[in-house]
Every structure is written in structure tokens, then in C-alpha cells.
Amino acid sequence: MLRLLWISAVIIVLDQVTKYWASADLAYLIPVEILPFFNLTLAHNTGAAFNFLSDAGGWQRWFFIVLAVIVSGVLIQWVRKLNESEKVEAIGLVLIIGGALGNVWDRMAHGYVVDFIQLHYAGYYFPTFNIADMAISIGAVLLIIESFRAAKKEKA
């Protein structure tokens, strides 16, 4: 199933191209309304999801880089061991790998992750995110769905 790693590469390229565009064309923290619930807003995240540890003093940059590289290596080994019948699981894993490495690229190059997609409703704002974050989230959902399917199969 390692042949599916091309999906990770596509995620990394798409993520970096969109982050380059956002950094070049958007003003920092100035929302550009696209739809009543969707803005493009350039933001920099030095922490993890939801700005976790964003004010930790700088050590978190290297911690998140090392963690993402180790986890990506473990996930690649996991993908390597999967067979054809576990394709959904493999796709979930390669999406997570691509997203993790897309954000690692930012942390290494800038010291922060470039975010620019902002969803909101009735004054409530979801934390700003990017293509890499979307890939990680979709990959995680696929793994959760696949785990329920596997549990249901075992039960039957």
C-alpha cells in the first residue's frame, strides 16, 4: 500500500502552494469574506491544534517537528503492513502523513504554521486552519469510520 504515498505528496504540494498564495495575497489577520460563514484570514500558529502551546516560548516548534516526523515514520510503517482490503485505512493514514509533513515544512521554514481558512457562524469562530489540517482531520475521520466497520465485522 506504499504506492498510496503519492496522496501525501499531493497534500504537501497543495498545502504549500495555498499557504504561499495566502501569505502573498492576504493581509495578516484581516478577514476577506467569501461567503457569510467563510473567510480567508491569514494567521500564524506557533502552537498545535487550536493554538495549543502557542505561547510556550519557542521550544514547542522543535517538539512538534520531532513529534510529527516520528509519527509520520510510524504511520508509513503501518501503511507498509496493510493489504489491499485495508485501502480506506491506508488512505486515512497517508492523508494524515501528508498533513503532518505539510505543517512540519512550515514550522521548519517559518517557525509557525500558516493558516488561512476561517469558518464562523453567529459570532462564533472555528479556529483558522489550512489544507494540511483538513487532510489530517479527514484522515482521522476515515480511520474512525474504518475502526467501526472493522468492529462490526468482528462482531458478525
C-alpha atoms as a PDB file:
ATOM      1  CA  MET A   1       0.000   0.000   0.000  1.00  0.00           C
ATOM      2  CA  LEU A   2       3.043   2.300  -0.021  1.00  0.00           C
ATOM      3  CA  ARG A   3       2.079   3.250  -3.575  1.00  0.00           C
ATOM      4  CA  LEU A   4      -0.624   5.455  -1.996  1.00  0.00           C
ATOM      5  CA  LEU A   5       2.031   7.774  -0.558  1.00  0.00           C
ATOM      6  CA  TRP A   6       1.622   9.869  -3.717  1.00  0.00           C
ATOM      7  CA  ILE A   7      -1.500  11.215  -1.963  1.00  0.00           C
ATOM      8  CA  SER A   8       0.731  12.527   0.842  1.00  0.00           C
ATOM      9  CA  ALA A   9       2.932  14.258  -1.732  1.00  0.00           C
ATOM     10  CA  VAL A  10      -0.101  15.875  -3.391  1.00  0.00           C
ATOM     11  CA  ILE A  11      -1.347  17.106   0.001  1.00  0.00           C
ATOM     12  CA  ILE A  12       2.060  18.613   0.814  1.00  0.00           C
ATOM     13  CA  VAL A  13       2.287  20.405  -2.552  1.00  0.00           C
ATOM     14  CA  LEU A  14      -1.317  21.659  -2.444  1.00  0.00           C
ATOM     15  CA  ASP A  15      -0.849  22.785   1.149  1.00  0.00           C
ATOM     16  CA  GLN A  16       2.363  24.672   0.409  1.00  0.00           C
ATOM     17  CA  VAL A  17       1.010  26.312  -2.757  1.00  0.00           C
ATOM     18  CA  THR A  18      -2.100  27.566  -0.951  1.00  0.00           C
ATOM     19  CA  LYS A  19      -0.067  28.776   2.030  1.00  0.00           C
ATOM     20  CA  TYR A  20       2.298  30.636  -0.314  1.00  0.00           C
ATOM     21  CA  TRP A  21      -0.678  32.245  -2.025  1.00  0.00           C
ATOM     22  CA  ALA A  22      -2.305  33.182   1.293  1.00  0.00           C
ATOM     23  CA  SER A  23       0.941  34.675   2.620  1.00  0.00           C
ATOM     24  CA  ALA A  24       1.485  36.671  -0.571  1.00  0.00           C
ATOM     25  CA  ASP A  25      -2.065  37.935  -1.109  1.00  0.00           C
ATOM     26  CA  LEU A  26      -3.744  38.243   2.295  1.00  0.00           C
ATOM     27  CA  ALA A  27      -3.071  40.849   4.963  1.00  0.00           C
ATOM     28  CA  TYR A  28      -2.262  39.350   8.370  1.00  0.00           C
ATOM     29  CA  LEU A  29      -5.414  38.827  10.483  1.00  0.00           C
ATOM     30  CA  ILE A  30      -7.616  40.860   8.083  1.00  0.00           C
ATOM     31  CA  PRO A  31     -10.611  38.700   7.059  1.00  0.00           C
ATOM     32  CA  VAL A  32     -11.704  38.564   3.431  1.00  0.00           C
ATOM     33  CA  GLU A  33     -15.325  37.433   3.315  1.00  0.00           C
ATOM     34  CA  ILE A  34     -16.003  34.764   0.694  1.00  0.00           C
ATOM     35  CA  LEU A  35     -19.389  33.556   1.993  1.00  0.00           C
ATOM     36  CA  PRO A  36     -21.425  34.651   5.031  1.00  0.00           C
ATOM     37  CA  PHE A  37     -19.836  31.819   7.040  1.00  0.00           C
ATOM     38  CA  PHE A  38     -16.422  31.576   5.333  1.00  0.00           C
ATOM     39  CA  ASN A  39     -13.483  33.989   5.372  1.00  0.00           C
ATOM     40  CA  LEU A  40      -9.919  33.852   4.184  1.00  0.00           C
ATOM     41  CA  THR A  41      -7.822  35.187   7.054  1.00  0.00           C
ATOM     42  CA  LEU A  42      -4.038  34.881   7.212  1.00  0.00           C
ATOM     43  CA  ALA A  43      -2.885  33.726  10.641  1.00  0.00           C
ATOM     44  CA  HIS A  44       0.320  32.243  12.057  1.00  0.00           C
ATOM     45  CA  ASN A  45       0.115  29.424  14.591  1.00  0.00           C
ATOM     46  CA  THR A  46       3.217  28.673  16.657  1.00  0.00           C
ATOM     47  CA  GLY A  47       1.337  26.015  18.627  1.00  0.00           C
ATOM     48  CA  ALA A  48      -0.607  22.911  17.720  1.00  0.00           C
ATOM     49  CA  ALA A  49      -4.331  22.489  17.063  1.00  0.00           C
ATOM     50  CA  PHE A  50      -6.431  25.352  18.444  1.00  0.00           C
ATOM     51  CA  ASN A  51      -3.202  27.264  19.245  1.00  0.00           C
ATOM     52  CA  PHE A  52      -2.308  24.762  21.973  1.00  0.00           C
ATOM     53  CA  LEU A  53       1.094  25.768  23.449  1.00  0.00           C
ATOM     54  CA  SER A  54       1.328  28.774  21.113  1.00  0.00           C
ATOM     55  CA  ASP A  55       2.784  30.914  23.901  1.00  0.00           C
ATOM     56  CA  ALA A  56       5.192  28.290  25.261  1.00  0.00           C
ATOM     57  CA  GLY A  57       8.339  30.256  24.440  1.00  0.00           C
ATOM     58  CA  GLY A  58       9.653  28.572  21.294  1.00  0.00           C
ATOM     59  CA  TRP A  59      10.579  25.044  22.402  1.00  0.00           C
ATOM     60  CA  GLN A  60       7.263  23.780  21.054  1.00  0.00           C
ATOM     61  CA  ARG A  61       8.414  24.431  17.477  1.00  0.00           C
ATOM     62  CA  TRP A  62      11.066  21.708  17.670  1.00  0.00           C
ATOM     63  CA  PHE A  63       8.894  19.452  19.791  1.00  0.00           C
ATOM     64  CA  PHE A  64       6.108  19.472  17.178  1.00  0.00           C
ATOM     65  CA  ILE A  65       8.606  18.968  14.329  1.00  0.00           C
ATOM     66  CA  VAL A  66      10.192  15.936  16.002  1.00  0.00           C
ATOM     67  CA  LEU A  67       6.816  14.543  17.060  1.00  0.00           C
ATOM     68  CA  ALA A  68       5.321  14.885  13.546  1.00  0.00           C
ATOM     69  CA  VAL A  69       8.355  13.289  11.894  1.00  0.00           C
ATOM     70  CA  ILE A  70       8.333  10.343  14.319  1.00  0.00           C
ATOM     71  CA  VAL A  71       4.572   9.845  13.998  1.00  0.00           C
ATOM     72  CA  SER A  72       4.817  10.078  10.194  1.00  0.00           C
ATOM     73  CA  GLY A  73       7.537   7.407  10.214  1.00  0.00           C
ATOM     74  CA  VAL A  74       5.374   5.130  12.368  1.00  0.00           C
ATOM     75  CA  LEU A  75       2.377   5.718  10.096  1.00  0.00           C
ATOM     76  CA  ILE A  76       4.441   4.920   6.985  1.00  0.00           C
ATOM     77  CA  GLN A  77       5.400   1.593   8.579  1.00  0.00           C
ATOM     78  CA  TRP A  78       1.722   0.987   9.369  1.00  0.00           C
ATOM     79  CA  VAL A  79       0.763   1.682   5.729  1.00  0.00           C
ATOM     80  CA  ARG A  80       3.540  -0.656   4.594  1.00  0.00           C
ATOM     81  CA  LYS A  81       1.970  -3.538   6.522  1.00  0.00           C
ATOM     82  CA  LEU A  82      -1.567  -3.055   5.171  1.00  0.00           C
ATOM     83  CA  ASN A  83      -3.019  -5.207   2.418  1.00  0.00           C
ATOM     84  CA  GLU A  84      -5.380  -4.398  -0.451  1.00  0.00           C
ATOM     85  CA  SER A  85      -8.517  -4.975   1.628  1.00  0.00           C
ATOM     86  CA  GLU A  86      -7.437  -2.173   4.000  1.00  0.00           C
ATOM     87  CA  LYS A  87      -7.392   0.615   1.407  1.00  0.00           C
ATOM     88  CA  VAL A  88      -9.616   3.045   3.340  1.00  0.00           C
ATOM     89  CA  GLU A  89      -7.330   2.736   6.356  1.00  0.00           C
ATOM     90  CA  ALA A  90      -4.288   3.318   4.135  1.00  0.00           C
ATOM     91  CA  ILE A  91      -5.853   6.417   2.571  1.00  0.00           C
ATOM     92  CA  GLY A  92      -6.651   7.798   6.030  1.00  0.00           C
ATOM     93  CA  LEU A  93      -3.058   7.251   7.100  1.00  0.00           C
ATOM     94  CA  VAL A  94      -1.475   8.839   4.017  1.00  0.00           C
ATOM     95  CA  LEU A  95      -3.757  11.881   4.406  1.00  0.00           C
ATOM     96  CA  ILE A  96      -2.528  12.273   7.993  1.00  0.00           C
ATOM     97  CA  ILE A  97       1.088  11.857   6.873  1.00  0.00           C
ATOM     98  CA  GLY A  98       0.722  14.489   4.141  1.00  0.00           C
ATOM     99  CA  GLY A  99      -0.938  16.945   6.502  1.00  0.00           C
ATOM    100  CA  ALA A 100       1.600  16.409   9.266  1.00  0.00           C
ATOM    101  CA  LEU A 101       4.548  16.893   6.905  1.00  0.00           C
ATOM    102  CA  GLY A 102       2.923  19.949   5.296  1.00  0.00           C
ATOM    103  CA  ASN A 103       2.794  21.601   8.701  1.00  0.00           C
ATOM    104  CA  VAL A 104       6.326  20.407   9.540  1.00  0.00           C
ATOM    105  CA  TRP A 105       7.544  22.208   6.429  1.00  0.00           C
ATOM    106  CA  ASP A 106       6.048  25.461   7.747  1.00  0.00           C
ATOM    107  CA  ARG A 107       7.492  25.017  11.228  1.00  0.00           C
ATOM    108  CA  MET A 108      10.958  24.410   9.789  1.00  0.00           C
ATOM    109  CA  ALA A 109      10.778  27.269   7.262  1.00  0.00           C
ATOM    110  CA  HIS A 110       8.947  29.914   9.324  1.00  0.00           C
ATOM    111  CA  GLY A 111       8.757  28.795  12.940  1.00  0.00           C
ATOM    112  CA  TYR A 112       4.949  28.761  12.693  1.00  0.00           C
ATOM    113  CA  VAL A 113       2.187  27.176  10.637  1.00  0.00           C
ATOM    114  CA  VAL A 114       0.395  29.346   8.078  1.00  0.00           C
ATOM    115  CA  ASP A 115      -3.391  29.151   8.474  1.00  0.00           C
ATOM    116  CA  PHE A 116      -5.942  30.963   6.315  1.00  0.00           C
ATOM    117  CA  ILE A 117      -9.313  29.176   6.221  1.00  0.00           C
ATOM    118  CA  GLN A 118     -11.801  30.595   8.712  1.00  0.00           C
ATOM    119  CA  LEU A 119     -15.336  29.318   9.327  1.00  0.00           C
ATOM    120  CA  HIS A 120     -17.824  31.142  11.537  1.00  0.00           C
ATOM    121  CA  TYR A 121     -21.490  31.328  12.424  1.00  0.00           C
ATOM    122  CA  ALA A 122     -23.494  33.785  14.545  1.00  0.00           C
ATOM    123  CA  GLY A 123     -20.352  35.343  16.006  1.00  0.00           C
ATOM    124  CA  TYR A 124     -18.689  32.018  16.826  1.00  0.00           C
ATOM    125  CA  TYR A 125     -15.410  31.366  15.034  1.00  0.00           C
ATOM    126  CA  PHE A 126     -13.819  27.988  14.471  1.00  0.00           C
ATOM    127  CA  PRO A 127     -10.005  28.215  14.752  1.00  0.00           C
ATOM    128  CA  THR A 128      -8.366  29.175  11.469  1.00  0.00           C
ATOM    129  CA  PHE A 129      -6.872  26.206   9.615  1.00  0.00           C
ATOM    130  CA  ASN A 130      -5.231  25.108   6.344  1.00  0.00           C
ATOM    131  CA  ILE A 131      -5.194  22.291   3.764  1.00  0.00           C
ATOM    132  CA  ALA A 132      -2.804  20.183   5.882  1.00  0.00           C
ATOM    133  CA  ASP A 133      -5.173  20.415   8.845  1.00  0.00           C
ATOM    134  CA  MET A 134      -8.076  19.375   6.600  1.00  0.00           C
ATOM    135  CA  ALA A 135      -6.125  16.335   5.387  1.00  0.00           C
ATOM    136  CA  ILE A 136      -5.298  15.320   8.965  1.00  0.00           C
ATOM    137  CA  SER A 137      -8.951  15.696  10.004  1.00  0.00           C
ATOM    138  CA  ILE A 138     -10.312  13.776   7.005  1.00  0.00           C
ATOM    139  CA  GLY A 139      -7.710  11.051   7.552  1.00  0.00           C
ATOM    140  CA  ALA A 140      -8.674  10.754  11.220  1.00  0.00           C
ATOM    141  CA  VAL A 141     -12.369  10.510  10.323  1.00  0.00           C
ATOM    142  CA  LEU A 142     -11.601   7.756   7.800  1.00  0.00           C
ATOM    143  CA  LEU A 143      -9.678   5.822  10.462  1.00  0.00           C
ATOM    144  CA  ILE A 144     -12.539   6.187  12.938  1.00  0.00           C
ATOM    145  CA  ILE A 145     -15.101   5.030  10.361  1.00  0.00           C
ATOM    146  CA  GLU A 146     -12.884   2.118   9.395  1.00  0.00           C
ATOM    147  CA  SER A 147     -12.450   1.091  13.046  1.00  0.00           C
ATOM    148  CA  PHE A 148     -16.232   0.973  13.482  1.00  0.00           C
ATOM    149  CA  ARG A 149     -16.570  -1.090  10.301  1.00  0.00           C
ATOM    150  CA  ALA A 150     -13.868  -3.478  11.493  1.00  0.00           C
ATOM    151  CA  ALA A 151     -15.527  -3.828  14.908  1.00  0.00           C
ATOM    152  CA  LYS A 152     -18.875  -4.506  13.254  1.00  0.00           C
ATOM    153  CA  LYS A 153     -17.255  -7.175  11.023  1.00  0.00           C
ATOM    154  CA  GLU A 154     -15.648  -8.888  14.040  1.00  0.00           C
ATOM    155  CA  LYS A 155     -18.948  -8.883  15.868  1.00  0.00           C
ATOM    156  CA  ALA A 156     -20.701 -10.540  12.916  1.00  0.00           C
END
